[in-house]
Amino acid sequence: MALLPSLDFNAYCDRMRADSQGARTPSPGDLDYSYVLDRQTRTAFESAKPVELAVASAVRLFQERERGRLLGNAVKVSARQFPRIHGIALECAQTLGIAAPQVYVVNSPHVNAATYGTRTDSFVLVHSALIDQYTEQELRFVIGHECGHIHNSHVVYLTTLHLLKGIAQAALGPLAAPAVLPLSAWSRRAEITCDRAGLLCTQDDKIAYRALARLVVGSSKLWEQFNIDAFVEQYEEGRESLSRYMEAFASHPYLPKRIMALRVFAQSELFAAHVAQRDREPQCASGHVESERLSMPEVDRRVGALLKGHI
């Protein structure tokens, strides 16, 4: 779980001046970007018996089957195998202050990526179709997003949800619902956190929005004519329809919402400070005023209203 935020911009400026003679690797405390409802839900899981039992069973099942299957059916990324992807993973991990995850490339026509495993043994799956369609910077957003799951201790819950929606739910049916529904609700909040992690890794909001939008287009040819603003605007058409209730069963928020939520985070003082820190160009010396940016509590308030459909 990420540490509590430190959003004192003046203190940040002082640290920047003190560090101006040399590089400083960001620590998790510098990057407390996690969505507050994500953190609160994970805390609640610790006392939720159905979720606790499901997590224990899923992790045992995962440990028994998954690693060998990957080594036989996917390509393990390393300094010798797809070194550019390996380098992106290393850079994203350094940005978030975590150990570099093991990345596998899976042969799949679906534009997707995922993170599974345990608290001590996590790995990232990237589908080949995504690598074919994404630019290097867009891929950085995706891998940064997946590293965000590891940084925020999401992995065991993601693994549990994946297995419950597949093997366990097929066998247990409605009996799995007490664990599936709260995990799905949490997962939607976790995706907001990890979109922020991806943005911190790319440092470019337009690249981040493109990386999200490509998930829904799924076509390189159509992408040339795609209008992100028009796509976000179509969210308004469905706000009052019955289909909005179907989102309650989904593991991810609808993509227009994710882009809108990330646009709010891009206005935050935390993101501005992170970009300035990485660029070694403190904006506080050029007239930047803290009030021009949103505090993280305000970011989370606005995002919460968005996710509930209030804006």
C-alpha atoms as a PDB file:
ATOM      1  CA  MET A   1       0.000   0.000   0.000  1.00  0.00           C
ATOM      2  CA  ALA A   2       1.293   3.468  -0.847  1.00  0.00           C
ATOM      3  CA  LEU A   3       2.322   5.765   1.971  1.00  0.00           C
ATOM      4  CA  LEU A   4       0.175   8.739   2.982  1.00  0.00           C
ATOM      5  CA  PRO A   5       0.612  11.711   0.642  1.00  0.00           C
ATOM      6  CA  SER A   6       3.032  14.548   1.118  1.00  0.00           C
ATOM      7  CA  LEU A   7       1.735  17.458  -0.952  1.00  0.00           C
ATOM      8  CA  ASP A   8       3.617  20.453   0.493  1.00  0.00           C
ATOM      9  CA  PHE A   9       4.776  22.172  -2.696  1.00  0.00           C
ATOM     10  CA  ASN A  10       6.994  24.683  -0.903  1.00  0.00           C
ATOM     11  CA  ALA A  11       8.786  21.836   0.848  1.00  0.00           C
ATOM     12  CA  TYR A  12       9.138  20.148  -2.511  1.00  0.00           C
ATOM     13  CA  CYS A  13      10.803  23.288  -3.933  1.00  0.00           C
ATOM     14  CA  ASP A  14      13.241  23.300  -1.027  1.00  0.00           C
ATOM     15  CA  ARG A  15      14.113  19.653  -1.693  1.00  0.00           C
ATOM     16  CA  MET A  16      14.596  20.405  -5.383  1.00  0.00           C
ATOM     17  CA  ARG A  17      17.072  23.179  -4.652  1.00  0.00           C
ATOM     18  CA  ALA A  18      18.944  20.947  -2.214  1.00  0.00           C
ATOM     19  CA  ASP A  19      19.070  18.112  -4.752  1.00  0.00           C
ATOM     20  CA  SER A  20      19.939  20.231  -7.785  1.00  0.00           C
ATOM     21  CA  GLN A  21      23.542  18.985  -7.878  1.00  0.00           C
ATOM     22  CA  GLY A  22      22.674  15.330  -8.369  1.00  0.00           C
ATOM     23  CA  ALA A  23      19.971  12.849  -9.294  1.00  0.00           C
ATOM     24  CA  ARG A  24      17.674  11.438  -6.650  1.00  0.00           C
ATOM     25  CA  THR A  25      15.603   8.316  -7.177  1.00  0.00           C
ATOM     26  CA  PRO A  26      11.938   8.909  -6.278  1.00  0.00           C
ATOM     27  CA  SER A  27      10.645   6.969  -3.318  1.00  0.00           C
ATOM     28  CA  PRO A  28       7.096   5.627  -2.879  1.00  0.00           C
ATOM     29  CA  GLY A  29       6.395   8.419  -0.404  1.00  0.00           C
ATOM     30  CA  ASP A  30       7.111  10.994  -3.105  1.00  0.00           C
ATOM     31  CA  LEU A  31       4.581   9.339  -5.400  1.00  0.00           C
ATOM     32  CA  ASP A  32       1.480   8.854  -3.306  1.00  0.00           C
ATOM     33  CA  TYR A  33      -0.906   8.882  -6.210  1.00  0.00           C
ATOM     34  CA  SER A  34      -3.220   6.060  -5.143  1.00  0.00           C
ATOM     35  CA  TYR A  35      -6.968   6.640  -5.239  1.00  0.00           C
ATOM     36  CA  VAL A  36      -8.295   6.957  -1.696  1.00  0.00           C
ATOM     37  CA  LEU A  37     -11.213   4.530  -2.208  1.00  0.00           C
ATOM     38  CA  ASP A  38      -8.773   1.939  -3.511  1.00  0.00           C
ATOM     39  CA  ARG A  39      -6.777   2.190  -0.280  1.00  0.00           C
ATOM     40  CA  GLN A  40      -9.865   2.131   1.916  1.00  0.00           C
ATOM     41  CA  THR A  41     -11.355  -0.902   0.172  1.00  0.00           C
ATOM     42  CA  ARG A  42      -8.171  -2.913   0.501  1.00  0.00           C
ATOM     43  CA  THR A  43      -8.142  -2.133   4.217  1.00  0.00           C
ATOM     44  CA  ALA A  44     -11.738  -3.367   4.480  1.00  0.00           C
ATOM     45  CA  PHE A  45     -10.819  -6.621   2.708  1.00  0.00           C
ATOM     46  CA  GLU A  46      -8.644  -7.585   5.642  1.00  0.00           C
ATOM     47  CA  SER A  47     -11.765  -8.064   7.785  1.00  0.00           C
ATOM     48  CA  ALA A  48     -14.055  -9.486   5.044  1.00  0.00           C
ATOM     49  CA  LYS A  49     -14.221 -13.246   5.564  1.00  0.00           C
ATOM     50  CA  PRO A  50     -15.536 -14.257   2.081  1.00  0.00           C
ATOM     51  CA  VAL A  51     -12.787 -12.272   0.398  1.00  0.00           C
ATOM     52  CA  GLU A  52     -10.127 -13.550   2.798  1.00  0.00           C
ATOM     53  CA  LEU A  53     -11.079 -17.182   2.117  1.00  0.00           C
ATOM     54  CA  ALA A  54     -11.239 -16.600  -1.634  1.00  0.00           C
ATOM     55  CA  VAL A  55      -7.813 -14.961  -1.648  1.00  0.00           C
ATOM     56  CA  ALA A  56      -6.202 -17.839   0.259  1.00  0.00           C
ATOM     57  CA  SER A  57      -7.674 -20.454  -2.091  1.00  0.00           C
ATOM     58  CA  ALA A  58      -6.867 -18.523  -5.270  1.00  0.00           C
ATOM     59  CA  VAL A  59      -3.252 -17.897  -4.334  1.00  0.00           C
ATOM     60  CA  ARG A  60      -2.695 -21.578  -3.582  1.00  0.00           C
ATOM     61  CA  LEU A  61      -4.211 -22.523  -6.943  1.00  0.00           C
ATOM     62  CA  PHE A  62      -2.128 -19.944  -8.757  1.00  0.00           C
ATOM     63  CA  GLN A  63       1.125 -21.103  -7.203  1.00  0.00           C
ATOM     64  CA  GLU A  64       0.456 -24.662  -8.273  1.00  0.00           C
ATOM     65  CA  ARG A  65      -0.297 -24.039 -11.935  1.00  0.00           C
ATOM     66  CA  GLU A  66       0.709 -20.725 -13.427  1.00  0.00           C
ATOM     67  CA  ARG A  67       4.488 -20.396 -13.510  1.00  0.00           C
ATOM     68  CA  GLY A  68       5.138 -23.583 -15.463  1.00  0.00           C
ATOM     69  CA  ARG A  69       2.381 -22.772 -17.945  1.00  0.00           C
ATOM     70  CA  LEU A  70       3.917 -19.391 -18.702  1.00  0.00           C
ATOM     71  CA  LEU A  71       7.390 -20.785 -19.235  1.00  0.00           C
ATOM     72  CA  GLY A  72       5.946 -23.213 -21.764  1.00  0.00           C
ATOM     73  CA  ASN A  73       3.542 -20.884 -23.589  1.00  0.00           C
ATOM     74  CA  ALA A  74       4.898 -17.327 -23.350  1.00  0.00           C
ATOM     75  CA  VAL A  75       8.179 -15.490 -23.957  1.00  0.00           C
ATOM     76  CA  LYS A  76      10.077 -14.417 -20.853  1.00  0.00           C
ATOM     77  CA  VAL A  77      11.397 -10.877 -21.316  1.00  0.00           C
ATOM     78  CA  SER A  78      14.982 -10.200 -20.253  1.00  0.00           C
ATOM     79  CA  ALA A  79      18.079  -8.229 -21.198  1.00  0.00           C
ATOM     80  CA  ARG A  80      18.648 -10.854 -23.914  1.00  0.00           C
ATOM     81  CA  GLN A  81      15.010 -11.302 -24.949  1.00  0.00           C
ATOM     82  CA  PHE A  82      13.143  -8.175 -26.112  1.00  0.00           C
ATOM     83  CA  PRO A  83      15.631  -5.878 -24.328  1.00  0.00           C
ATOM     84  CA  ARG A  84      13.693  -2.678 -25.090  1.00  0.00           C
ATOM     85  CA  ILE A  85      10.598  -3.970 -23.309  1.00  0.00           C
ATOM     86  CA  HIS A  86      12.852  -5.115 -20.478  1.00  0.00           C
ATOM     87  CA  GLY A  87      14.337  -1.622 -20.260  1.00  0.00           C
ATOM     88  CA  ILE A  88      10.904   0.014 -20.091  1.00  0.00           C
ATOM     89  CA  ALA A  89       9.933  -2.289 -17.220  1.00  0.00           C
ATOM     90  CA  LEU A  90      13.129  -1.389 -15.361  1.00  0.00           C
ATOM     91  CA  GLU A  91      12.504   2.333 -15.823  1.00  0.00           C
ATOM     92  CA  CYS A  92       8.876   2.133 -14.683  1.00  0.00           C
ATOM     93  CA  ALA A  93       9.861   0.115 -11.632  1.00  0.00           C
ATOM     94  CA  GLN A  94      12.498   2.692 -10.729  1.00  0.00           C
ATOM     95  CA  THR A  95       9.974   5.506 -11.064  1.00  0.00           C
ATOM     96  CA  LEU A  96       7.599   3.808  -8.620  1.00  0.00           C
ATOM     97  CA  GLY A  97      10.317   2.555  -6.286  1.00  0.00           C
ATOM     98  CA  ILE A  98       9.658  -1.184  -6.674  1.00  0.00           C
ATOM     99  CA  ALA A  99      11.672  -4.168  -7.797  1.00  0.00           C
ATOM    100  CA  ALA A 100      11.395  -4.742 -11.536  1.00  0.00           C
ATOM    101  CA  PRO A 101       8.653  -7.283 -12.305  1.00  0.00           C
ATOM    102  CA  GLN A 102       9.083 -10.255 -14.598  1.00  0.00           C
ATOM    103  CA  VAL A 103       7.383  -9.509 -17.925  1.00  0.00           C
ATOM    104  CA  TYR A 104       6.054 -12.147 -20.331  1.00  0.00           C
ATOM    105  CA  VAL A 105       4.872 -11.606 -23.904  1.00  0.00           C
ATOM    106  CA  VAL A 106       1.828 -13.717 -24.757  1.00  0.00           C
ATOM    107  CA  ASN A 107       0.728 -14.508 -28.311  1.00  0.00           C
ATOM    108  CA  SER A 108      -2.779 -13.051 -28.402  1.00  0.00           C
ATOM    109  CA  PRO A 109      -4.858 -10.985 -30.860  1.00  0.00           C
ATOM    110  CA  HIS A 110      -6.472  -9.097 -27.966  1.00  0.00           C
ATOM    111  CA  VAL A 111      -5.032  -5.691 -27.061  1.00  0.00           C
ATOM    112  CA  ASN A 112      -4.472  -6.227 -23.364  1.00  0.00           C
ATOM    113  CA  ALA A 113      -2.045  -6.573 -20.459  1.00  0.00           C
ATOM    114  CA  ALA A 114      -2.442  -7.918 -16.924  1.00  0.00           C
ATOM    115  CA  THR A 115      -0.615  -8.540 -13.661  1.00  0.00           C
ATOM    116  CA  TYR A 116      -0.992 -11.661 -11.514  1.00  0.00           C
ATOM    117  CA  GLY A 117       0.861 -13.533  -8.805  1.00  0.00           C
ATOM    118  CA  THR A 118       1.420 -13.237  -5.085  1.00  0.00           C
ATOM    119  CA  ARG A 119       2.775 -10.506  -2.856  1.00  0.00           C
ATOM    120  CA  THR A 120       6.313 -11.828  -3.303  1.00  0.00           C
ATOM    121  CA  ASP A 121       6.100 -13.253  -6.827  1.00  0.00           C
ATOM    122  CA  SER A 122       4.343 -10.970  -9.325  1.00  0.00           C
ATOM    123  CA  PHE A 123       4.561 -10.927 -13.106  1.00  0.00           C
ATOM    124  CA  VAL A 124       3.200  -8.855 -15.977  1.00  0.00           C
ATOM    125  CA  LEU A 125       1.608 -10.321 -19.111  1.00  0.00           C
ATOM    126  CA  VAL A 126       1.640  -8.195 -22.270  1.00  0.00           C
ATOM    127  CA  HIS A 127      -0.272  -9.417 -25.320  1.00  0.00           C
ATOM    128  CA  SER A 128       1.524  -9.370 -28.658  1.00  0.00           C
ATOM    129  CA  ALA A 129      -1.312  -7.411 -30.318  1.00  0.00           C
ATOM    130  CA  LEU A 130      -0.790  -4.560 -27.878  1.00  0.00           C
ATOM    131  CA  ILE A 131       2.933  -4.403 -28.641  1.00  0.00           C
ATOM    132  CA  ASP A 132       2.193  -4.366 -32.380  1.00  0.00           C
ATOM    133  CA  GLN A 133      -0.211  -1.426 -32.119  1.00  0.00           C
ATOM    134  CA  TYR A 134       1.344   0.721 -29.396  1.00  0.00           C
ATOM    135  CA  THR A 135       4.220   3.158 -29.694  1.00  0.00           C
ATOM    136  CA  GLU A 136       7.085   2.786 -27.262  1.00  0.00           C
ATOM    137  CA  GLN A 137       5.774   5.616 -25.083  1.00  0.00           C
ATOM    138  CA  GLU A 138       2.257   4.176 -25.079  1.00  0.00           C
ATOM    139  CA  LEU A 139       3.723   0.818 -24.059  1.00  0.00           C
ATOM    140  CA  ARG A 140       5.492   2.626 -21.228  1.00  0.00           C
ATOM    141  CA  PHE A 141       2.101   3.786 -19.946  1.00  0.00           C
ATOM    142  CA  VAL A 142       0.774   0.209 -20.040  1.00  0.00           C
ATOM    143  CA  ILE A 143       3.761  -1.288 -18.234  1.00  0.00           C
ATOM    144  CA  GLY A 144       3.720   1.592 -15.752  1.00  0.00           C
ATOM    145  CA  HIS A 145       0.044   0.871 -15.112  1.00  0.00           C
ATOM    146  CA  GLU A 146       0.830  -2.777 -14.419  1.00  0.00           C
ATOM    147  CA  CYS A 147       3.742  -1.829 -12.146  1.00  0.00           C
ATOM    148  CA  GLY A 148       1.243   0.321 -10.268  1.00  0.00           C
ATOM    149  CA  HIS A 149      -0.681  -2.832  -9.358  1.00  0.00           C
ATOM    150  CA  ILE A 150       2.468  -4.244  -7.794  1.00  0.00           C
ATOM    151  CA  HIS A 151       3.379  -0.993  -6.038  1.00  0.00           C
ATOM    152  CA  ASN A 152      -0.079  -0.777  -4.456  1.00  0.00           C
ATOM    153  CA  SER A 153      -0.338  -4.418  -3.321  1.00  0.00           C
ATOM    154  CA  HIS A 154      -3.138  -5.235  -5.752  1.00  0.00           C
ATOM    155  CA  VAL A 155      -1.719  -8.455  -7.133  1.00  0.00           C
ATOM    156  CA  VAL A 156      -3.243 -11.102  -4.883  1.00  0.00           C
ATOM    157  CA  TYR A 157      -6.689  -9.545  -5.264  1.00  0.00           C
ATOM    158  CA  LEU A 158      -6.372  -9.321  -9.049  1.00  0.00           C
ATOM    159  CA  THR A 159      -5.319 -12.964  -9.158  1.00  0.00           C
ATOM    160  CA  THR A 160      -8.267 -13.922  -6.963  1.00  0.00           C
ATOM    161  CA  LEU A 161     -10.768 -12.027  -9.110  1.00  0.00           C
ATOM    162  CA  HIS A 162      -9.348 -13.559 -12.288  1.00  0.00           C
ATOM    163  CA  LEU A 163      -9.664 -17.093 -10.963  1.00  0.00           C
ATOM    164  CA  LEU A 164     -13.079 -16.555  -9.362  1.00  0.00           C
ATOM    165  CA  LYS A 165     -14.505 -15.192 -12.608  1.00  0.00           C
ATOM    166  CA  GLY A 166     -13.127 -18.178 -14.451  1.00  0.00           C
ATOM    167  CA  ILE A 167     -12.662 -21.553 -12.817  1.00  0.00           C
ATOM    168  CA  ALA A 168     -14.263 -20.966  -9.417  1.00  0.00           C
ATOM    169  CA  GLN A 169     -17.348 -19.091 -10.591  1.00  0.00           C
ATOM    170  CA  ALA A 170     -18.067 -21.674 -13.286  1.00  0.00           C
ATOM    171  CA  ALA A 171     -18.107 -24.364 -10.595  1.00  0.00           C
ATOM    172  CA  LEU A 172     -19.689 -22.436  -7.720  1.00  0.00           C
ATOM    173  CA  GLY A 173     -22.020 -20.056  -9.557  1.00  0.00           C
ATOM    174  CA  PRO A 174     -23.922 -17.754  -7.135  1.00  0.00           C
ATOM    175  CA  LEU A 175     -21.827 -19.009  -4.217  1.00  0.00           C
ATOM    176  CA  ALA A 176     -18.891 -17.030  -5.593  1.00  0.00           C
ATOM    177  CA  ALA A 177     -20.861 -13.744  -5.653  1.00  0.00           C
ATOM    178  CA  PRO A 178     -20.009 -12.644  -2.061  1.00  0.00           C
ATOM    179  CA  ALA A 179     -16.376 -12.463  -3.122  1.00  0.00           C
ATOM    180  CA  VAL A 180     -16.726 -11.513  -6.817  1.00  0.00           C
ATOM    181  CA  LEU A 181     -18.909  -8.411  -6.385  1.00  0.00           C
ATOM    182  CA  PRO A 182     -16.767  -6.609  -3.778  1.00  0.00           C
ATOM    183  CA  LEU A 183     -13.598  -7.570  -5.642  1.00  0.00           C
ATOM    184  CA  SER A 184     -15.038  -6.156  -8.877  1.00  0.00           C
ATOM    185  CA  ALA A 185     -15.986  -2.906  -7.142  1.00  0.00           C
ATOM    186  CA  TRP A 186     -12.490  -2.620  -5.702  1.00  0.00           C
ATOM    187  CA  SER A 187     -10.898  -3.491  -9.064  1.00  0.00           C
ATOM    188  CA  ARG A 188     -12.576  -0.512 -10.731  1.00  0.00           C
ATOM    189  CA  ARG A 189     -11.056   1.755  -8.103  1.00  0.00           C
ATOM    190  CA  ALA A 190      -7.663   0.062  -8.438  1.00  0.00           C
ATOM    191  CA  GLU A 191      -7.653   0.810 -12.168  1.00  0.00           C
ATOM    192  CA  ILE A 192      -7.917   4.520 -11.378  1.00  0.00           C
ATOM    193  CA  THR A 193      -4.849   4.251  -9.162  1.00  0.00           C
ATOM    194  CA  CYS A 194      -2.859   2.419 -11.801  1.00  0.00           C
ATOM    195  CA  ASP A 195      -3.778   4.740 -14.651  1.00  0.00           C
ATOM    196  CA  ARG A 196      -2.124   7.392 -12.492  1.00  0.00           C
ATOM    197  CA  ALA A 197       0.950   5.190 -12.123  1.00  0.00           C
ATOM    198  CA  GLY A 198       1.137   4.853 -15.908  1.00  0.00           C
ATOM    199  CA  LEU A 199       0.962   8.628 -16.276  1.00  0.00           C
ATOM    200  CA  LEU A 200       3.754   9.093 -13.741  1.00  0.00           C
ATOM    201  CA  CYS A 201       5.896   6.755 -15.843  1.00  0.00           C
ATOM    202  CA  THR A 202       5.185   8.469 -19.168  1.00  0.00           C
ATOM    203  CA  GLN A 203       4.973  12.031 -17.760  1.00  0.00           C
ATOM    204  CA  ASP A 204       2.867  12.955 -20.803  1.00  0.00           C
ATOM    205  CA  ASP A 205      -0.901  13.090 -20.390  1.00  0.00           C
ATOM    206  CA  LYS A 206      -1.654  12.994 -24.112  1.00  0.00           C
ATOM    207  CA  ILE A 207       0.300   9.745 -24.484  1.00  0.00           C
ATOM    208  CA  ALA A 208      -1.608   8.309 -21.522  1.00  0.00           C
ATOM    209  CA  TYR A 209      -4.990   9.202 -23.025  1.00  0.00           C
ATOM    210  CA  ARG A 210      -3.967   7.659 -26.349  1.00  0.00           C
ATOM    211  CA  ALA A 211      -2.830   4.461 -24.647  1.00  0.00           C
ATOM    212  CA  LEU A 212      -6.214   4.121 -22.938  1.00  0.00           C
ATOM    213  CA  ALA A 213      -8.199   4.959 -26.050  1.00  0.00           C
ATOM    214  CA  ARG A 214      -6.365   2.376 -28.170  1.00  0.00           C
ATOM    215  CA  LEU A 215      -7.860  -0.312 -25.935  1.00  0.00           C
ATOM    216  CA  VAL A 216     -11.323   0.457 -27.256  1.00  0.00           C
ATOM    217  CA  VAL A 217     -10.413   1.058 -30.912  1.00  0.00           C
ATOM    218  CA  GLY A 218      -8.496  -2.172 -31.512  1.00  0.00           C
ATOM    219  CA  SER A 219      -7.547  -1.187 -35.071  1.00  0.00           C
ATOM    220  CA  SER A 220      -4.457   0.599 -36.365  1.00  0.00           C
ATOM    221  CA  LYS A 221      -6.335   1.651 -39.506  1.00  0.00           C
ATOM    222  CA  LEU A 222      -9.258   3.198 -37.613  1.00  0.00           C
ATOM    223  CA  TRP A 223      -6.911   4.838 -35.132  1.00  0.00           C
ATOM    224  CA  GLU A 224      -5.764   7.297 -37.781  1.00  0.00           C
ATOM    225  CA  GLN A 225      -9.265   8.830 -37.753  1.00  0.00           C
ATOM    226  CA  PHE A 226     -10.030   8.452 -34.048  1.00  0.00           C
ATOM    227  CA  ASN A 227     -11.110  11.553 -32.081  1.00  0.00           C
ATOM    228  CA  ILE A 228     -10.500  11.164 -28.349  1.00  0.00           C
ATOM    229  CA  ASP A 229     -12.607  14.172 -27.377  1.00  0.00           C
ATOM    230  CA  ALA A 230     -15.612  12.858 -29.308  1.00  0.00           C
ATOM    231  CA  PHE A 231     -15.119   9.472 -27.640  1.00  0.00           C
ATOM    232  CA  VAL A 232     -15.155  11.027 -24.161  1.00  0.00           C
ATOM    233  CA  GLU A 233     -18.240  13.058 -25.021  1.00  0.00           C
ATOM    234  CA  GLN A 234     -20.203   9.932 -25.933  1.00  0.00           C
ATOM    235  CA  TYR A 235     -20.141   9.007 -22.238  1.00  0.00           C
ATOM    236  CA  GLU A 236     -22.812  11.655 -21.663  1.00  0.00           C
ATOM    237  CA  GLU A 237     -25.244   9.785 -23.929  1.00  0.00           C
ATOM    238  CA  GLY A 238     -25.188   6.692 -21.728  1.00  0.00           C
ATOM    239  CA  ARG A 239     -25.226   8.277 -18.286  1.00  0.00           C
ATOM    240  CA  GLU A 240     -28.964   7.868 -17.770  1.00  0.00           C
ATOM    241  CA  SER A 241     -29.413   4.536 -19.570  1.00  0.00           C
ATOM    242  CA  LEU A 242     -29.872   1.167 -17.857  1.00  0.00           C
ATOM    243  CA  SER A 243     -26.528   0.031 -19.246  1.00  0.00           C
ATOM    244  CA  ARG A 244     -24.767   2.179 -16.647  1.00  0.00           C
ATOM    245  CA  TYR A 245     -25.824  -0.349 -14.007  1.00  0.00           C
ATOM    246  CA  MET A 246     -23.953  -3.100 -15.853  1.00  0.00           C
ATOM    247  CA  GLU A 247     -20.728  -1.388 -14.907  1.00  0.00           C
ATOM    248  CA  ALA A 248     -21.292  -2.640 -11.352  1.00  0.00           C
ATOM    249  CA  PHE A 249     -20.370  -6.133 -12.554  1.00  0.00           C
ATOM    250  CA  ALA A 250     -17.282  -5.027 -14.492  1.00  0.00           C
ATOM    251  CA  SER A 251     -13.693  -5.155 -13.275  1.00  0.00           C
ATOM    252  CA  HIS A 252     -12.795  -1.903 -15.083  1.00  0.00           C
ATOM    253  CA  PRO A 253     -14.578   1.455 -15.288  1.00  0.00           C
ATOM    254  CA  TYR A 254     -15.847   2.405 -18.729  1.00  0.00           C
ATOM    255  CA  LEU A 255     -12.974   3.844 -20.754  1.00  0.00           C
ATOM    256  CA  PRO A 256     -14.377   7.380 -21.167  1.00  0.00           C
ATOM    257  CA  LYS A 257     -14.538   7.583 -17.365  1.00  0.00           C
ATOM    258  CA  ARG A 258     -10.931   6.438 -17.063  1.00  0.00           C
ATOM    259  CA  ILE A 259      -9.747   9.122 -19.462  1.00  0.00           C
ATOM    260  CA  MET A 260     -11.795  11.776 -17.665  1.00  0.00           C
ATOM    261  CA  ALA A 261     -10.462  10.643 -14.266  1.00  0.00           C
ATOM    262  CA  LEU A 262      -6.883  10.727 -15.538  1.00  0.00           C
ATOM    263  CA  ARG A 263      -7.412  14.245 -16.868  1.00  0.00           C
ATOM    264  CA  VAL A 264      -8.271  15.313 -13.322  1.00  0.00           C
ATOM    265  CA  PHE A 265      -5.091  13.724 -11.932  1.00  0.00           C
ATOM    266  CA  ALA A 266      -3.036  15.441 -14.661  1.00  0.00           C
ATOM    267  CA  GLN A 267      -4.104  18.749 -13.052  1.00  0.00           C
ATOM    268  CA  SER A 268      -2.724  17.735  -9.655  1.00  0.00           C
ATOM    269  CA  GLU A 269       0.157  19.361  -7.832  1.00  0.00           C
ATOM    270  CA  LEU A 270       1.599  15.884  -7.261  1.00  0.00           C
ATOM    271  CA  PHE A 271       1.875  15.193 -10.993  1.00  0.00           C
ATOM    272  CA  ALA A 272       3.337  18.638 -11.682  1.00  0.00           C
ATOM    273  CA  ALA A 273       5.896  18.149  -8.934  1.00  0.00           C
ATOM    274  CA  HIS A 274       6.838  14.704 -10.260  1.00  0.00           C
ATOM    275  CA  VAL A 275       7.424  16.009 -13.792  1.00  0.00           C
ATOM    276  CA  ALA A 276       9.456  18.943 -12.479  1.00  0.00           C
ATOM    277  CA  GLN A 277      11.526  16.612 -10.300  1.00  0.00           C
ATOM    278  CA  ARG A 278      12.336  14.291 -13.189  1.00  0.00           C
ATOM    279  CA  ASP A 279      13.146  17.174 -15.532  1.00  0.00           C
ATOM    280  CA  ARG A 280      15.327  18.931 -12.950  1.00  0.00           C
ATOM    281  CA  GLU A 281      13.511  22.192 -13.746  1.00  0.00           C
ATOM    282  CA  PRO A 282      11.733  23.354 -10.572  1.00  0.00           C
ATOM    283  CA  GLN A 283       8.692  25.305 -11.676  1.00  0.00           C
ATOM    284  CA  CYS A 284       8.497  27.100  -8.332  1.00  0.00           C
ATOM    285  CA  ALA A 285      11.347  29.378  -9.481  1.00  0.00           C
ATOM    286  CA  SER A 286       9.357  30.545 -12.518  1.00  0.00           C
ATOM    287  CA  GLY A 287       6.236  31.795 -10.769  1.00  0.00           C
ATOM    288  CA  HIS A 288       4.334  28.523 -10.286  1.00  0.00           C
ATOM    289  CA  VAL A 289       1.650  28.968  -7.628  1.00  0.00           C
ATOM    290  CA  GLU A 290       0.509  25.936  -5.673  1.00  0.00           C
ATOM    291  CA  SER A 291      -3.155  26.962  -5.872  1.00  0.00           C
ATOM    292  CA  GLU A 292      -3.053  26.556  -9.666  1.00  0.00           C
ATOM    293  CA  ARG A 293      -2.917  22.799  -9.152  1.00  0.00           C
ATOM    294  CA  LEU A 294      -5.298  20.433  -7.394  1.00  0.00           C
ATOM    295  CA  SER A 295      -4.462  18.778  -4.084  1.00  0.00           C
ATOM    296  CA  MET A 296      -4.831  14.998  -4.014  1.00  0.00           C
ATOM    297  CA  PRO A 297      -7.902  15.145  -1.710  1.00  0.00           C
ATOM    298  CA  GLU A 298      -9.567  17.420  -4.267  1.00  0.00           C
ATOM    299  CA  VAL A 299      -8.510  15.120  -7.130  1.00  0.00           C
ATOM    300  CA  ASP A 300     -10.052  12.152  -5.338  1.00  0.00           C
ATOM    301  CA  ARG A 301     -13.236  14.095  -4.544  1.00  0.00           C
ATOM    302  CA  ARG A 302     -13.717  14.990  -8.195  1.00  0.00           C
ATOM    303  CA  VAL A 303     -12.879  11.493  -9.400  1.00  0.00           C
ATOM    304  CA  GLY A 304     -15.282   9.973  -6.872  1.00  0.00           C
ATOM    305  CA  ALA A 305     -18.102  12.167  -8.179  1.00  0.00           C
ATOM    306  CA  LEU A 306     -17.202  11.185 -11.741  1.00  0.00           C
ATOM    307  CA  LEU A 307     -17.219   7.466 -10.987  1.00  0.00           C
ATOM    308  CA  LYS A 308     -20.619   7.795  -9.317  1.00  0.00           C
ATOM    309  CA  GLY A 309     -21.978   9.587 -12.376  1.00  0.00           C
ATOM    310  CA  HIS A 310     -22.479  12.928 -10.638  1.00  0.00           C
ATOM    311  CA  ILE A 311     -20.403  14.858 -13.193  1.00  0.00           C
END
